[in-house]
N, C-alpha and C. Protein backbone atom coordinates (compact mmCIF):
# COMPACT_ATOMS: atom_id res chain seq x y z
N MET A 1 -88.89 47.38 -25.53
CA MET A 1 -88.38 48.52 -24.78
C MET A 1 -88.35 48.21 -23.28
N LYS A 2 -89.39 47.48 -22.82
CA LYS A 2 -89.45 47.12 -21.41
C LYS A 2 -88.31 46.18 -21.06
N ASN A 3 -87.97 45.28 -21.99
CA ASN A 3 -86.88 44.34 -21.74
C ASN A 3 -85.55 45.07 -21.65
N THR A 4 -85.34 46.07 -22.53
CA THR A 4 -84.07 46.80 -22.48
C THR A 4 -83.98 47.62 -21.20
N GLU A 5 -85.11 48.18 -20.77
CA GLU A 5 -85.08 48.95 -19.53
C GLU A 5 -84.82 48.03 -18.34
N SER A 6 -85.45 46.86 -18.34
CA SER A 6 -85.20 45.89 -17.27
C SER A 6 -83.75 45.44 -17.31
N ALA A 7 -83.24 45.21 -18.52
CA ALA A 7 -81.85 44.79 -18.65
C ALA A 7 -80.92 45.89 -18.13
N ASN A 8 -81.24 47.13 -18.45
CA ASN A 8 -80.43 48.26 -17.96
C ASN A 8 -80.48 48.33 -16.44
N GLN A 9 -81.67 48.12 -15.87
CA GLN A 9 -81.78 48.14 -14.41
C GLN A 9 -80.96 47.01 -13.80
N LEU A 10 -81.02 45.84 -14.44
CA LEU A 10 -80.25 44.70 -13.93
C LEU A 10 -78.75 44.97 -14.01
N GLU A 11 -78.32 45.54 -15.14
CA GLU A 11 -76.90 45.85 -15.29
C GLU A 11 -76.46 46.87 -14.25
N LEU A 12 -77.28 47.88 -14.05
CA LEU A 12 -76.94 48.90 -13.05
C LEU A 12 -76.88 48.29 -11.65
N MET A 13 -77.83 47.42 -11.33
CA MET A 13 -77.83 46.79 -10.02
C MET A 13 -76.61 45.87 -9.88
N ASP A 14 -76.27 45.13 -10.95
CA ASP A 14 -75.08 44.28 -10.91
C ASP A 14 -73.83 45.11 -10.67
N ASP A 15 -73.72 46.21 -11.42
CA ASP A 15 -72.57 47.10 -11.25
C ASP A 15 -72.51 47.64 -9.83
N PHE A 16 -73.67 48.03 -9.32
CA PHE A 16 -73.73 48.56 -7.97
C PHE A 16 -73.26 47.53 -6.95
N LEU A 17 -73.75 46.31 -7.08
CA LEU A 17 -73.36 45.26 -6.14
C LEU A 17 -71.87 44.95 -6.24
N GLU A 18 -71.35 44.92 -7.45
CA GLU A 18 -69.92 44.66 -7.62
C GLU A 18 -69.08 45.77 -7.00
N MET A 19 -69.52 47.02 -7.19
CA MET A 19 -68.78 48.14 -6.61
C MET A 19 -68.85 48.09 -5.08
N GLU A 20 -70.01 47.75 -4.54
CA GLU A 20 -70.13 47.63 -3.09
C GLU A 20 -69.21 46.53 -2.57
N LYS A 21 -69.17 45.43 -3.29
CA LYS A 21 -68.32 44.31 -2.87
C LYS A 21 -66.85 44.72 -2.92
N LEU A 22 -66.45 45.40 -4.01
CA LEU A 22 -65.06 45.83 -4.14
C LEU A 22 -64.70 46.88 -3.08
N ALA A 23 -65.64 47.76 -2.79
CA ALA A 23 -65.37 48.80 -1.80
C ALA A 23 -65.18 48.21 -0.41
N CYS A 24 -65.83 47.11 -0.16
CA CYS A 24 -65.77 46.50 1.17
C CYS A 24 -64.65 45.49 1.32
N LEU A 25 -64.00 45.13 0.24
CA LEU A 25 -62.90 44.16 0.32
C LEU A 25 -61.67 44.83 0.92
N PRO A 26 -60.93 44.13 1.78
CA PRO A 26 -59.68 44.69 2.30
C PRO A 26 -58.62 44.66 1.20
N ASN A 27 -57.58 45.48 1.40
CA ASN A 27 -56.51 45.56 0.40
C ASN A 27 -55.75 44.26 0.26
N ASP A 28 -55.48 43.59 1.37
CA ASP A 28 -54.71 42.35 1.34
C ASP A 28 -55.49 41.30 2.11
N GLU A 29 -56.02 40.30 1.41
CA GLU A 29 -56.88 39.30 2.05
C GLU A 29 -56.11 38.45 3.05
N ASN A 30 -54.83 38.24 2.84
CA ASN A 30 -54.06 37.38 3.73
C ASN A 30 -53.79 38.03 5.08
N THR A 31 -53.77 39.35 5.14
CA THR A 31 -53.40 40.03 6.38
C THR A 31 -54.53 40.07 7.38
N ASN A 32 -55.76 39.96 6.96
CA ASN A 32 -56.83 40.07 7.93
C ASN A 32 -57.41 38.72 8.32
N GLY A 33 -56.83 37.63 7.88
CA GLY A 33 -57.19 36.32 8.37
C GLY A 33 -58.34 35.65 7.64
N HIS A 34 -58.80 36.18 6.52
CA HIS A 34 -59.87 35.53 5.77
C HIS A 34 -59.29 34.38 4.97
N SER A 35 -59.92 33.25 5.05
CA SER A 35 -59.48 32.11 4.26
C SER A 35 -60.21 32.09 2.94
N SER A 36 -59.77 31.26 2.03
CA SER A 36 -60.44 31.18 0.74
C SER A 36 -61.83 30.59 0.89
N ALA A 37 -62.08 29.77 1.92
CA ALA A 37 -63.41 29.21 2.17
C ALA A 37 -64.37 30.33 2.55
N ASP A 38 -63.89 31.28 3.38
CA ASP A 38 -64.72 32.43 3.73
C ASP A 38 -65.03 33.25 2.49
N SER A 39 -64.02 33.43 1.66
CA SER A 39 -64.19 34.20 0.43
C SER A 39 -65.17 33.50 -0.51
N ASP A 40 -65.07 32.18 -0.62
CA ASP A 40 -66.00 31.43 -1.47
C ASP A 40 -67.42 31.53 -0.94
N ALA A 41 -67.59 31.46 0.37
CA ALA A 41 -68.91 31.57 0.97
C ALA A 41 -69.51 32.95 0.71
N GLU A 42 -68.66 33.98 0.84
CA GLU A 42 -69.13 35.33 0.57
C GLU A 42 -69.51 35.50 -0.89
N THR A 43 -68.70 34.91 -1.78
CA THR A 43 -68.98 34.99 -3.21
C THR A 43 -70.29 34.29 -3.53
N LEU A 44 -70.51 33.12 -2.94
CA LEU A 44 -71.75 32.38 -3.16
C LEU A 44 -72.94 33.18 -2.64
N ALA A 45 -72.79 33.78 -1.46
CA ALA A 45 -73.88 34.59 -0.91
C ALA A 45 -74.15 35.80 -1.80
N ALA A 46 -73.08 36.40 -2.32
CA ALA A 46 -73.25 37.55 -3.22
C ALA A 46 -73.95 37.13 -4.50
N MET A 47 -73.61 35.98 -5.02
CA MET A 47 -74.25 35.49 -6.25
C MET A 47 -75.73 35.21 -6.01
N GLN A 48 -76.04 34.62 -4.86
CA GLN A 48 -77.44 34.35 -4.53
C GLN A 48 -78.21 35.66 -4.37
N LEU A 49 -77.58 36.62 -3.73
CA LEU A 49 -78.21 37.92 -3.56
C LEU A 49 -78.44 38.58 -4.91
N LYS A 50 -77.44 38.50 -5.77
CA LYS A 50 -77.54 39.07 -7.10
C LYS A 50 -78.71 38.44 -7.86
N LYS A 51 -78.84 37.13 -7.76
CA LYS A 51 -79.91 36.41 -8.43
C LYS A 51 -81.27 36.82 -7.86
N SER A 52 -81.35 36.96 -6.53
CA SER A 52 -82.61 37.37 -5.90
C SER A 52 -83.01 38.77 -6.35
N ILE A 53 -82.05 39.67 -6.40
CA ILE A 53 -82.34 41.04 -6.82
C ILE A 53 -82.75 41.07 -8.28
N SER A 54 -82.09 40.29 -9.11
CA SER A 54 -82.46 40.22 -10.53
C SER A 54 -83.89 39.73 -10.67
N THR A 55 -84.24 38.71 -9.91
CA THR A 55 -85.61 38.18 -9.96
C THR A 55 -86.62 39.23 -9.52
N VAL A 56 -86.29 39.96 -8.46
CA VAL A 56 -87.19 41.00 -7.97
C VAL A 56 -87.37 42.08 -9.03
N LEU A 57 -86.28 42.53 -9.63
CA LEU A 57 -86.36 43.60 -10.63
C LEU A 57 -87.14 43.16 -11.86
N GLN A 58 -87.00 41.91 -12.25
CA GLN A 58 -87.73 41.42 -13.42
C GLN A 58 -89.22 41.28 -13.12
N SER A 59 -89.56 41.00 -11.88
CA SER A 59 -90.97 40.79 -11.54
C SER A 59 -91.72 42.11 -11.33
N LEU A 60 -91.01 43.21 -11.14
CA LEU A 60 -91.67 44.49 -10.90
C LEU A 60 -92.16 45.09 -12.21
N PRO A 61 -93.31 45.78 -12.18
CA PRO A 61 -93.79 46.45 -13.39
C PRO A 61 -92.88 47.62 -13.75
N LYS A 62 -93.01 48.05 -15.00
CA LYS A 62 -92.14 49.11 -15.52
C LYS A 62 -92.30 50.41 -14.73
N ASP A 63 -93.52 50.72 -14.34
CA ASP A 63 -93.79 51.99 -13.67
C ASP A 63 -93.80 51.88 -12.15
N ALA A 64 -93.11 50.88 -11.61
CA ALA A 64 -93.07 50.69 -10.16
C ALA A 64 -92.37 51.87 -9.49
N ALA A 65 -92.85 52.24 -8.34
CA ALA A 65 -92.27 53.36 -7.60
C ALA A 65 -90.91 52.97 -7.03
N MET A 66 -90.02 53.95 -6.93
CA MET A 66 -88.66 53.70 -6.44
C MET A 66 -88.69 53.15 -5.02
N GLU A 67 -89.65 53.64 -4.19
CA GLU A 67 -89.73 53.15 -2.82
C GLU A 67 -90.04 51.65 -2.80
N LYS A 68 -90.92 51.22 -3.72
CA LYS A 68 -91.28 49.81 -3.77
C LYS A 68 -90.08 48.97 -4.21
N ILE A 69 -89.34 49.46 -5.19
CA ILE A 69 -88.15 48.74 -5.66
C ILE A 69 -87.14 48.61 -4.52
N LEU A 70 -86.90 49.71 -3.82
CA LEU A 70 -85.94 49.67 -2.71
C LEU A 70 -86.40 48.72 -1.61
N ALA A 71 -87.70 48.72 -1.32
CA ALA A 71 -88.22 47.82 -0.29
C ALA A 71 -88.03 46.36 -0.71
N GLU A 72 -88.29 46.06 -1.99
CA GLU A 72 -88.13 44.69 -2.48
C GLU A 72 -86.66 44.27 -2.43
N VAL A 73 -85.76 45.18 -2.82
CA VAL A 73 -84.32 44.86 -2.79
C VAL A 73 -83.87 44.65 -1.34
N GLN A 74 -84.35 45.49 -0.43
CA GLN A 74 -83.99 45.34 0.97
C GLN A 74 -84.47 43.99 1.51
N CYS A 75 -85.68 43.58 1.12
CA CYS A 75 -86.18 42.26 1.55
C CYS A 75 -85.31 41.15 1.00
N ALA A 76 -84.87 41.29 -0.26
CA ALA A 76 -84.00 40.27 -0.86
C ALA A 76 -82.67 40.20 -0.12
N ILE A 77 -82.14 41.35 0.27
CA ILE A 77 -80.86 41.38 1.01
C ILE A 77 -81.04 40.72 2.37
N GLU A 78 -82.14 41.05 3.04
CA GLU A 78 -82.37 40.45 4.36
C GLU A 78 -82.58 38.95 4.25
N ASP A 79 -83.28 38.50 3.18
CA ASP A 79 -83.47 37.06 2.99
C ASP A 79 -82.15 36.35 2.72
N ALA A 80 -81.26 37.01 2.00
CA ALA A 80 -80.00 36.37 1.63
C ALA A 80 -79.02 36.31 2.81
N GLY A 81 -78.96 37.36 3.59
CA GLY A 81 -77.91 37.37 4.61
C GLY A 81 -78.38 37.64 6.01
N GLY A 82 -79.64 37.85 6.22
CA GLY A 82 -80.12 38.13 7.57
C GLY A 82 -80.02 39.61 7.86
N ALA A 83 -78.90 40.04 8.38
CA ALA A 83 -78.70 41.45 8.73
C ALA A 83 -78.02 42.16 7.56
N PRO A 84 -78.23 43.44 7.42
CA PRO A 84 -77.55 44.18 6.36
C PRO A 84 -76.04 44.12 6.52
N PHE A 85 -75.33 44.09 5.41
CA PHE A 85 -73.88 44.00 5.42
C PHE A 85 -73.29 45.36 5.72
N GLU A 86 -72.30 45.41 6.54
CA GLU A 86 -71.66 46.65 6.95
C GLU A 86 -70.27 46.72 6.34
N CYS A 87 -69.98 47.77 5.62
CA CYS A 87 -68.65 47.95 5.05
C CYS A 87 -67.74 48.54 6.13
N HIS A 88 -66.53 48.01 6.18
CA HIS A 88 -65.58 48.51 7.17
C HIS A 88 -64.41 49.24 6.53
N GLY A 89 -64.39 49.29 5.23
CA GLY A 89 -63.28 49.93 4.53
C GLY A 89 -63.44 51.43 4.52
N PRO A 90 -62.51 52.11 3.88
CA PRO A 90 -62.60 53.57 3.80
C PRO A 90 -63.79 53.96 2.93
N ASN A 91 -64.75 54.63 3.51
CA ASN A 91 -65.93 55.02 2.74
C ASN A 91 -66.32 56.47 3.03
N LYS A 92 -65.34 57.30 3.19
CA LYS A 92 -65.58 58.71 3.47
C LYS A 92 -66.33 59.36 2.30
N LYS A 93 -65.94 59.00 1.09
CA LYS A 93 -66.59 59.57 -0.09
C LYS A 93 -68.06 59.16 -0.14
N GLN A 94 -68.33 57.89 0.18
CA GLN A 94 -69.71 57.42 0.16
C GLN A 94 -70.55 58.14 1.22
N ARG A 95 -69.94 58.35 2.38
CA ARG A 95 -70.66 59.05 3.44
C ARG A 95 -70.97 60.48 3.05
N SER A 96 -70.00 61.15 2.44
CA SER A 96 -70.24 62.53 2.02
C SER A 96 -71.29 62.57 0.91
N THR A 97 -71.25 61.59 0.02
CA THR A 97 -72.26 61.52 -1.03
C THR A 97 -73.63 61.27 -0.42
N LEU A 98 -73.69 60.38 0.55
CA LEU A 98 -74.95 60.09 1.23
C LEU A 98 -75.48 61.34 1.92
N GLN A 99 -74.61 62.08 2.58
CA GLN A 99 -75.03 63.31 3.24
C GLN A 99 -75.55 64.33 2.22
N ALA A 100 -74.86 64.42 1.08
CA ALA A 100 -75.30 65.35 0.05
C ALA A 100 -76.68 64.95 -0.48
N VAL A 101 -76.87 63.66 -0.69
CA VAL A 101 -78.17 63.19 -1.19
C VAL A 101 -79.26 63.45 -0.15
N LYS A 102 -78.93 63.23 1.13
CA LYS A 102 -79.91 63.49 2.19
C LYS A 102 -80.30 64.97 2.20
N GLN A 103 -79.31 65.84 2.02
CA GLN A 103 -79.60 67.27 1.98
C GLN A 103 -80.48 67.63 0.79
N ILE A 104 -80.17 67.00 -0.35
CA ILE A 104 -80.97 67.25 -1.55
C ILE A 104 -82.40 66.79 -1.33
N LEU A 105 -82.58 65.65 -0.68
CA LEU A 105 -83.91 65.12 -0.42
C LEU A 105 -84.64 65.92 0.65
N LYS A 106 -83.88 66.53 1.56
CA LYS A 106 -84.49 67.30 2.64
C LYS A 106 -85.07 68.62 2.11
N GLN A 107 -84.45 69.19 1.08
CA GLN A 107 -84.88 70.49 0.57
C GLN A 107 -86.33 70.48 0.08
N PRO A 108 -86.76 69.53 -0.76
CA PRO A 108 -88.17 69.54 -1.17
C PRO A 108 -89.12 69.36 0.02
N SER A 109 -88.71 68.58 1.00
CA SER A 109 -89.55 68.39 2.18
C SER A 109 -89.71 69.70 2.93
N GLN A 110 -88.61 70.43 3.07
CA GLN A 110 -88.68 71.72 3.75
C GLN A 110 -89.54 72.70 2.96
N ASN A 111 -89.37 72.69 1.63
CA ASN A 111 -90.18 73.57 0.79
C ASN A 111 -91.66 73.23 0.93
N TYR A 112 -91.97 71.94 0.98
CA TYR A 112 -93.36 71.52 1.12
C TYR A 112 -93.93 72.01 2.45
N LYS A 113 -93.13 71.89 3.52
CA LYS A 113 -93.60 72.35 4.82
C LYS A 113 -93.85 73.86 4.80
N LYS A 114 -92.93 74.61 4.19
CA LYS A 114 -93.11 76.06 4.10
C LYS A 114 -94.37 76.40 3.32
N GLN A 115 -94.57 75.72 2.19
CA GLN A 115 -95.74 75.99 1.37
C GLN A 115 -97.02 75.60 2.10
N SER A 116 -96.98 74.52 2.85
CA SER A 116 -98.15 74.11 3.64
C SER A 116 -98.47 75.17 4.68
N ASN A 117 -97.43 75.68 5.34
CA ASN A 117 -97.64 76.74 6.34
C ASN A 117 -98.20 77.99 5.69
N CYS A 118 -97.67 78.35 4.51
CA CYS A 118 -98.19 79.52 3.80
C CYS A 118 -99.65 79.31 3.40
N LYS A 119 -99.96 78.12 2.94
CA LYS A 119 -101.33 77.81 2.54
C LYS A 119 -102.27 77.95 3.74
N ILE A 120 -101.85 77.41 4.88
CA ILE A 120 -102.69 77.50 6.08
C ILE A 120 -102.89 78.96 6.47
N ARG A 121 -101.79 79.74 6.42
CA ARG A 121 -101.89 81.16 6.76
C ARG A 121 -102.81 81.90 5.79
N PHE A 122 -102.68 81.61 4.48
CA PHE A 122 -103.53 82.27 3.50
C PHE A 122 -104.99 81.87 3.67
N GLU A 123 -105.24 80.61 3.99
CA GLU A 123 -106.62 80.17 4.23
C GLU A 123 -107.20 80.89 5.45
N TRP A 124 -106.38 81.03 6.49
CA TRP A 124 -106.85 81.74 7.68
C TRP A 124 -107.13 83.21 7.34
N ASP A 125 -106.21 83.84 6.58
CA ASP A 125 -106.41 85.23 6.18
C ASP A 125 -107.68 85.37 5.33
N LEU A 126 -107.91 84.42 4.43
CA LEU A 126 -109.09 84.46 3.58
C LEU A 126 -110.36 84.33 4.42
N GLU A 127 -110.35 83.40 5.37
CA GLU A 127 -111.51 83.23 6.25
C GLU A 127 -111.75 84.49 7.07
N SER A 128 -110.67 85.08 7.57
CA SER A 128 -110.78 86.31 8.34
C SER A 128 -111.34 87.44 7.47
N ALA A 129 -110.88 87.51 6.23
CA ALA A 129 -111.37 88.54 5.31
C ALA A 129 -112.86 88.33 5.02
N HIS A 130 -113.27 87.06 4.86
CA HIS A 130 -114.69 86.79 4.63
C HIS A 130 -115.53 87.24 5.83
N LYS A 131 -115.05 86.95 7.04
CA LYS A 131 -115.78 87.37 8.24
C LYS A 131 -115.85 88.89 8.31
N SER A 132 -114.72 89.53 8.05
CA SER A 132 -114.67 90.99 8.08
C SER A 132 -115.59 91.58 7.01
N ASN A 133 -115.59 90.96 5.85
CA ASN A 133 -116.45 91.40 4.76
C ASN A 133 -117.92 91.27 5.16
N GLY A 134 -118.27 90.16 5.80
CA GLY A 134 -119.64 89.95 6.25
C GLY A 134 -120.05 91.00 7.28
N MET A 135 -119.14 91.31 8.20
CA MET A 135 -119.44 92.33 9.21
C MET A 135 -119.59 93.70 8.56
N ALA A 136 -118.74 94.01 7.59
CA ALA A 136 -118.84 95.29 6.90
C ALA A 136 -120.16 95.37 6.12
N GLU A 137 -120.57 94.27 5.53
CA GLU A 137 -121.84 94.24 4.79
C GLU A 137 -123.01 94.49 5.74
N THR A 138 -122.96 93.86 6.91
CA THR A 138 -124.02 94.07 7.91
C THR A 138 -124.04 95.52 8.37
N GLN A 139 -122.87 96.10 8.61
CA GLN A 139 -122.79 97.51 9.01
C GLN A 139 -123.36 98.41 7.92
N LEU A 140 -123.04 98.09 6.68
CA LEU A 140 -123.53 98.90 5.56
C LEU A 140 -125.05 98.83 5.47
N LYS A 141 -125.61 97.64 5.66
CA LYS A 141 -127.07 97.49 5.63
C LYS A 141 -127.71 98.31 6.75
N CYS A 142 -127.08 98.25 7.93
CA CYS A 142 -127.60 99.04 9.06
C CYS A 142 -127.53 100.54 8.76
N MET A 143 -126.44 100.96 8.16
CA MET A 143 -126.28 102.38 7.83
C MET A 143 -127.31 102.81 6.80
N VAL A 144 -127.58 101.96 5.80
CA VAL A 144 -128.59 102.28 4.78
C VAL A 144 -129.96 102.38 5.43
N ALA A 145 -130.28 101.42 6.31
CA ALA A 145 -131.57 101.47 6.99
C ALA A 145 -131.67 102.72 7.86
N SER A 146 -130.59 103.06 8.55
CA SER A 146 -130.58 104.24 9.40
C SER A 146 -130.74 105.51 8.56
N TYR A 147 -130.06 105.58 7.45
CA TYR A 147 -130.17 106.75 6.58
C TYR A 147 -131.57 106.87 6.00
N THR A 148 -132.14 105.73 5.61
CA THR A 148 -133.51 105.73 5.08
C THR A 148 -134.48 106.23 6.15
N SER A 149 -134.30 105.77 7.36
CA SER A 149 -135.15 106.23 8.47
C SER A 149 -134.96 107.72 8.71
N PHE A 150 -133.73 108.18 8.64
CA PHE A 150 -133.44 109.60 8.83
C PHE A 150 -134.11 110.44 7.75
N VAL A 151 -134.05 109.99 6.50
CA VAL A 151 -134.68 110.73 5.40
C VAL A 151 -136.19 110.76 5.61
N GLU A 152 -136.79 109.64 5.99
CA GLU A 152 -138.23 109.59 6.24
C GLU A 152 -138.60 110.52 7.39
N LEU A 153 -137.80 110.50 8.45
CA LEU A 153 -138.06 111.36 9.60
C LEU A 153 -137.97 112.83 9.21
N SER A 154 -136.95 113.16 8.41
CA SER A 154 -136.81 114.55 7.95
C SER A 154 -138.01 114.95 7.10
N SER A 155 -138.44 114.06 6.24
CA SER A 155 -139.59 114.34 5.39
C SER A 155 -140.85 114.53 6.23
N LEU A 156 -141.02 113.68 7.24
CA LEU A 156 -142.19 113.81 8.12
C LEU A 156 -142.12 115.11 8.92
N ASN A 157 -140.93 115.49 9.39
CA ASN A 157 -140.78 116.75 10.12
C ASN A 157 -141.15 117.94 9.24
N VAL A 158 -140.75 117.90 7.97
CA VAL A 158 -141.10 118.98 7.05
C VAL A 158 -142.61 119.02 6.87
N LYS A 159 -143.24 117.86 6.72
CA LYS A 159 -144.70 117.81 6.56
C LYS A 159 -145.40 118.34 7.82
N ILE A 160 -144.88 117.96 8.98
CA ILE A 160 -145.47 118.44 10.24
C ILE A 160 -145.39 119.95 10.31
N GLU A 161 -144.24 120.52 9.96
CA GLU A 161 -144.09 121.98 9.99
C GLU A 161 -145.05 122.63 9.01
N ASN A 162 -145.19 122.04 7.83
CA ASN A 162 -146.12 122.59 6.83
C ASN A 162 -147.56 122.54 7.34
N LEU A 163 -147.94 121.42 7.94
CA LEU A 163 -149.29 121.29 8.47
C LEU A 163 -149.52 122.25 9.64
N GLU A 164 -148.51 122.41 10.48
CA GLU A 164 -148.65 123.36 11.60
C GLU A 164 -148.79 124.78 11.07
N ASP A 165 -148.02 125.10 10.02
CA ASP A 165 -148.13 126.44 9.42
C ASP A 165 -149.53 126.63 8.82
N GLU A 166 -150.03 125.61 8.14
CA GLU A 166 -151.37 125.71 7.56
C GLU A 166 -152.41 125.85 8.66
N LEU A 167 -152.25 125.08 9.72
CA LEU A 167 -153.19 125.16 10.83
C LEU A 167 -153.14 126.55 11.46
N HIS A 168 -151.99 127.06 11.64
CA HIS A 168 -151.83 128.39 12.21
C HIS A 168 -152.46 129.45 11.29
N ASP A 169 -152.25 129.30 9.98
CA ASP A 169 -152.84 130.24 9.02
C ASP A 169 -154.36 130.14 9.05
N GLU A 170 -154.91 128.98 9.17
CA GLU A 170 -156.35 128.80 9.20
C GLU A 170 -156.93 129.40 10.47
N LYS A 171 -156.26 129.25 11.57
CA LYS A 171 -156.74 129.81 12.83
C LYS A 171 -156.76 131.34 12.74
N GLU A 172 -155.79 131.91 12.10
CA GLU A 172 -155.75 133.36 11.97
C GLU A 172 -156.82 133.86 11.01
N ASN A 173 -157.12 133.10 10.02
CA ASN A 173 -158.13 133.49 9.03
C ASN A 173 -159.54 133.31 9.60
N HIS A 174 -159.78 132.63 10.55
CA HIS A 174 -161.12 132.43 11.09
C HIS A 174 -161.33 133.33 12.23
């Protein structure tokens, strides 16, 4: 299964490279001054690049990350030709596709940023609620202590009045 997947990746990469090569070729080779020697050199470079990319893809594990694969392919391209190849042909469709893909890739990033901001806000709200809860708990304890003191004071006042009444009654009886 790994071999078929690697073979599929190789076929896809080969197809991709061929399409890139075809997209970058001018319509009439004789009109732009390219000689067959230039064409042969480009073909040889393309074949070497294709071989390098095939080797890279075969050496990567099955579960390799896409970023790693792209980095390895980019290194192979740089090794083969130095600077990246620039297409000069009509590539409006490729540019629009690239823009669409960039927009698609930007959306999850924006969603992640929004969710991170929401998480930070919720954590702050939670911390604030905990502080407020702690302050309310302290106030409640103070109120309970105050009420308990008030009840004791009222009870003592009633006892004082009773004792004063008893004292007054005893003074009158003597």
